[in-house]
């Protein structure tokens, strides 16, 4: 299941692009991994055949309304993607970017109040939550996009540790 890219250049607001559950601020119809799994199970797909997704890259939005640190807010420009290594080396805790953790959605995001830039991504903590979800619901596993975006295998190792 491609349970990432829930918000992108075609969505009107920022969000957790790969959130496991719905955030407190999420609209009732917000796409999440948990909701997708429930829909497939309700349609009769066996749990063991469901493989959820993780993203080894971030989605970046510019010109974001500053309410709620940019979370679930309109934006002026979809900036693009950042691979995990660059996100770690240049953005998380750097250049005015502050990491936030959405405990309800089990997902991180970055907010830069100076530039009004919002970044949504998966990290080892969110991937550990996904692995626990997979195990709790007896799902088939976790897939990801894309291996070359994790050259040190940090996110892949989080999947492997979580599924053991």
Protein backbone atom coordinates (compact mmCIF):
# COMPACT_ATOMS: atom_id res chain seq x y z
CA UNK A 1 0.00 0.00 0.00
CA UNK A 2 1.38 3.40 -0.93
CA UNK A 3 0.67 5.00 2.43
CA UNK A 4 2.72 8.11 1.83
CA UNK A 5 2.32 11.26 -0.30
CA UNK A 6 -0.96 11.96 1.50
CA UNK A 7 -0.23 15.65 0.91
CA UNK A 8 1.67 16.95 -2.08
CA UNK A 9 1.48 19.61 -4.80
CA UNK A 10 -2.17 18.72 -5.49
CA UNK A 11 -3.51 19.06 -1.92
CA UNK A 12 -4.62 22.44 -0.58
CA UNK A 13 -3.03 22.13 2.88
CA UNK A 14 0.01 20.71 4.61
CA UNK A 15 -0.34 17.45 6.53
CA UNK A 16 1.60 14.39 7.66
CA UNK A 17 2.42 13.04 4.23
CA UNK A 18 2.99 9.59 5.69
CA UNK A 19 1.08 9.71 8.98
CA UNK A 20 0.09 6.50 10.68
CA UNK A 21 -3.03 7.94 12.33
CA UNK A 22 -5.11 11.11 12.05
CA UNK A 23 -3.76 14.20 13.74
CA UNK A 24 -5.96 16.20 16.10
CA UNK A 25 -6.16 18.97 13.47
CA UNK A 26 -6.88 16.59 10.59
CA UNK A 27 -10.21 16.83 8.80
CA UNK A 28 -12.54 13.87 9.22
CA UNK A 29 -11.66 12.56 5.76
CA UNK A 30 -7.87 12.91 6.10
CA UNK A 31 -5.90 10.07 4.58
CA UNK A 32 -3.81 7.98 6.99
CA UNK A 33 -2.17 4.60 7.01
CA UNK A 34 -4.50 3.32 9.71
CA UNK A 35 -7.60 4.38 7.78
CA UNK A 36 -6.33 2.78 4.59
CA UNK A 37 -5.65 -0.49 6.42
CA UNK A 38 -9.15 -0.47 7.95
CA UNK A 39 -10.69 0.10 4.50
CA UNK A 40 -8.80 -2.80 2.96
CA UNK A 41 -9.62 -5.11 5.88
CA UNK A 42 -13.31 -4.13 5.66
CA UNK A 43 -13.21 -4.98 1.95
CA UNK A 44 -12.05 -8.49 2.84
CA UNK A 45 -8.33 -8.28 2.10
CA UNK A 46 -6.46 -10.61 4.49
CA UNK A 47 -4.28 -8.69 6.98
CA UNK A 48 -1.21 -10.74 6.05
CA UNK A 49 -1.42 -9.50 2.47
CA UNK A 50 -1.31 -5.81 3.47
CA UNK A 51 2.08 -4.12 3.36
CA UNK A 52 2.11 -0.47 4.47
CA UNK A 53 4.48 2.17 3.16
CA UNK A 54 7.19 4.41 4.57
CA UNK A 55 8.85 7.36 2.84
CA UNK A 56 12.60 7.81 2.81
CA UNK A 57 12.14 11.45 1.76
CA UNK A 58 10.38 14.58 2.97
CA UNK A 59 7.76 16.80 1.34
CA UNK A 60 8.41 20.55 1.57
CA UNK A 61 5.85 23.37 1.46
CA UNK A 62 6.62 27.11 1.33
CA UNK A 63 4.61 30.21 2.14
CA UNK A 64 2.68 28.29 4.76
CA UNK A 65 0.18 29.96 7.07
CA UNK A 66 1.92 30.06 10.50
CA UNK A 67 -1.03 28.86 12.61
CA UNK A 68 -0.27 25.60 14.46
CA UNK A 69 3.36 25.81 13.31
CA UNK A 70 2.24 25.26 9.72
CA UNK A 71 0.41 22.04 10.48
CA UNK A 72 -2.73 21.48 8.39
CA UNK A 73 -2.45 24.96 6.93
CA UNK A 74 -2.70 26.34 3.39
CA UNK A 75 0.54 27.02 1.53
CA UNK A 76 1.61 29.11 -1.44
CA UNK A 77 4.15 26.78 -3.03
CA UNK A 78 4.95 23.10 -3.06
CA UNK A 79 8.74 23.20 -2.93
CA UNK A 80 9.54 19.54 -3.54
CA UNK A 81 11.27 16.62 -1.86
CA UNK A 82 14.34 16.20 0.33
CA UNK A 83 16.05 12.80 0.72
CA UNK A 84 16.54 11.53 4.28
CA UNK A 85 20.35 12.13 4.47
CA UNK A 86 20.01 15.79 3.41
CA UNK A 87 17.05 16.27 5.74
CA UNK A 88 19.19 15.04 8.65
CA UNK A 89 22.33 16.95 7.72
CA UNK A 90 20.80 20.29 6.71
CA UNK A 91 17.31 20.68 8.19
CA UNK A 92 16.41 18.80 11.39
CA UNK A 93 17.34 21.21 14.20
CA UNK A 94 19.21 23.48 11.76
CA UNK A 95 18.64 26.74 9.86
CA UNK A 96 15.69 27.64 12.09
CA UNK A 97 13.83 24.34 11.58
CA UNK A 98 12.21 22.97 14.73
CA UNK A 99 11.14 19.34 14.94
CA UNK A 100 7.63 18.63 16.17
CA UNK A 101 6.17 15.25 17.05
CA UNK A 102 2.49 14.54 16.58
CA UNK A 103 1.85 11.85 19.20
CA UNK A 104 -1.67 11.24 17.94
CA UNK A 105 -0.55 10.66 14.34
CA UNK A 106 2.83 9.09 15.25
CA UNK A 107 4.55 11.43 12.79
CA UNK A 108 7.16 14.20 12.85
CA UNK A 109 7.27 17.51 11.02
CA UNK A 110 9.59 20.49 10.81
CA UNK A 111 8.55 24.12 11.00
CA UNK A 112 10.62 27.18 10.17
CA UNK A 113 8.84 30.24 11.59
CA UNK A 114 11.21 32.63 9.81
CA UNK A 115 10.62 31.28 6.31
CA UNK A 116 7.13 29.81 6.84
CA UNK A 117 8.37 26.46 5.54
CA UNK A 118 6.76 23.17 6.57
CA UNK A 119 8.45 19.79 6.08
CA UNK A 120 6.76 16.43 6.61
CA UNK A 121 8.66 13.13 6.68
CA UNK A 122 9.23 9.68 8.20
CA UNK A 123 12.07 9.12 10.65
CA UNK A 124 13.21 6.19 12.83
CA UNK A 125 10.62 7.07 15.50
CA UNK A 126 7.67 7.15 13.09
CA UNK A 127 8.90 3.99 11.38
CA UNK A 128 9.11 2.23 14.77
CA UNK A 129 5.45 3.17 15.34
CA UNK A 130 4.57 1.76 11.92
CA UNK A 131 6.40 -1.48 12.70
CA UNK A 132 4.49 -1.82 15.99
CA UNK A 133 1.24 -1.22 14.07
CA UNK A 134 2.17 -3.91 11.53
CA UNK A 135 2.86 -6.40 14.31
CA UNK A 136 -0.26 -5.50 16.32
CA UNK A 137 -2.51 -5.92 13.28
CA UNK A 138 -0.69 -8.97 11.84
CA UNK A 139 0.01 -7.18 8.55
CA UNK A 140 2.41 -8.43 5.90
CA UNK A 141 5.12 -5.84 6.50
CA UNK A 142 6.46 -2.44 5.44
CA UNK A 143 7.58 -1.32 1.99
CA UNK A 144 9.33 1.98 1.28
CA UNK A 145 10.28 4.45 -1.38
CA UNK A 146 13.18 4.50 -2.15
CA UNK A 147 16.36 2.65 -1.18
CA UNK A 148 18.90 5.09 -2.62
CA UNK A 149 17.40 7.82 -0.40
CA UNK A 150 18.72 5.97 2.69
CA UNK A 151 22.35 5.16 1.79
CA UNK A 152 23.36 4.48 5.41
CA UNK A 153 20.34 2.19 5.94
CA UNK A 154 19.22 4.14 9.01
CA UNK A 155 15.53 4.03 8.09
CA UNK A 156 15.77 0.51 6.71
CA UNK A 157 17.39 -0.60 9.98
CA UNK A 158 14.49 0.99 11.89
CA UNK A 159 12.10 -1.18 9.85
CA UNK A 160 14.15 -4.31 10.52
CA UNK A 161 14.48 -3.61 14.27
CA UNK A 162 10.79 -2.83 14.57
CA UNK A 163 9.60 -5.95 12.80
CA UNK A 164 11.81 -8.38 14.76
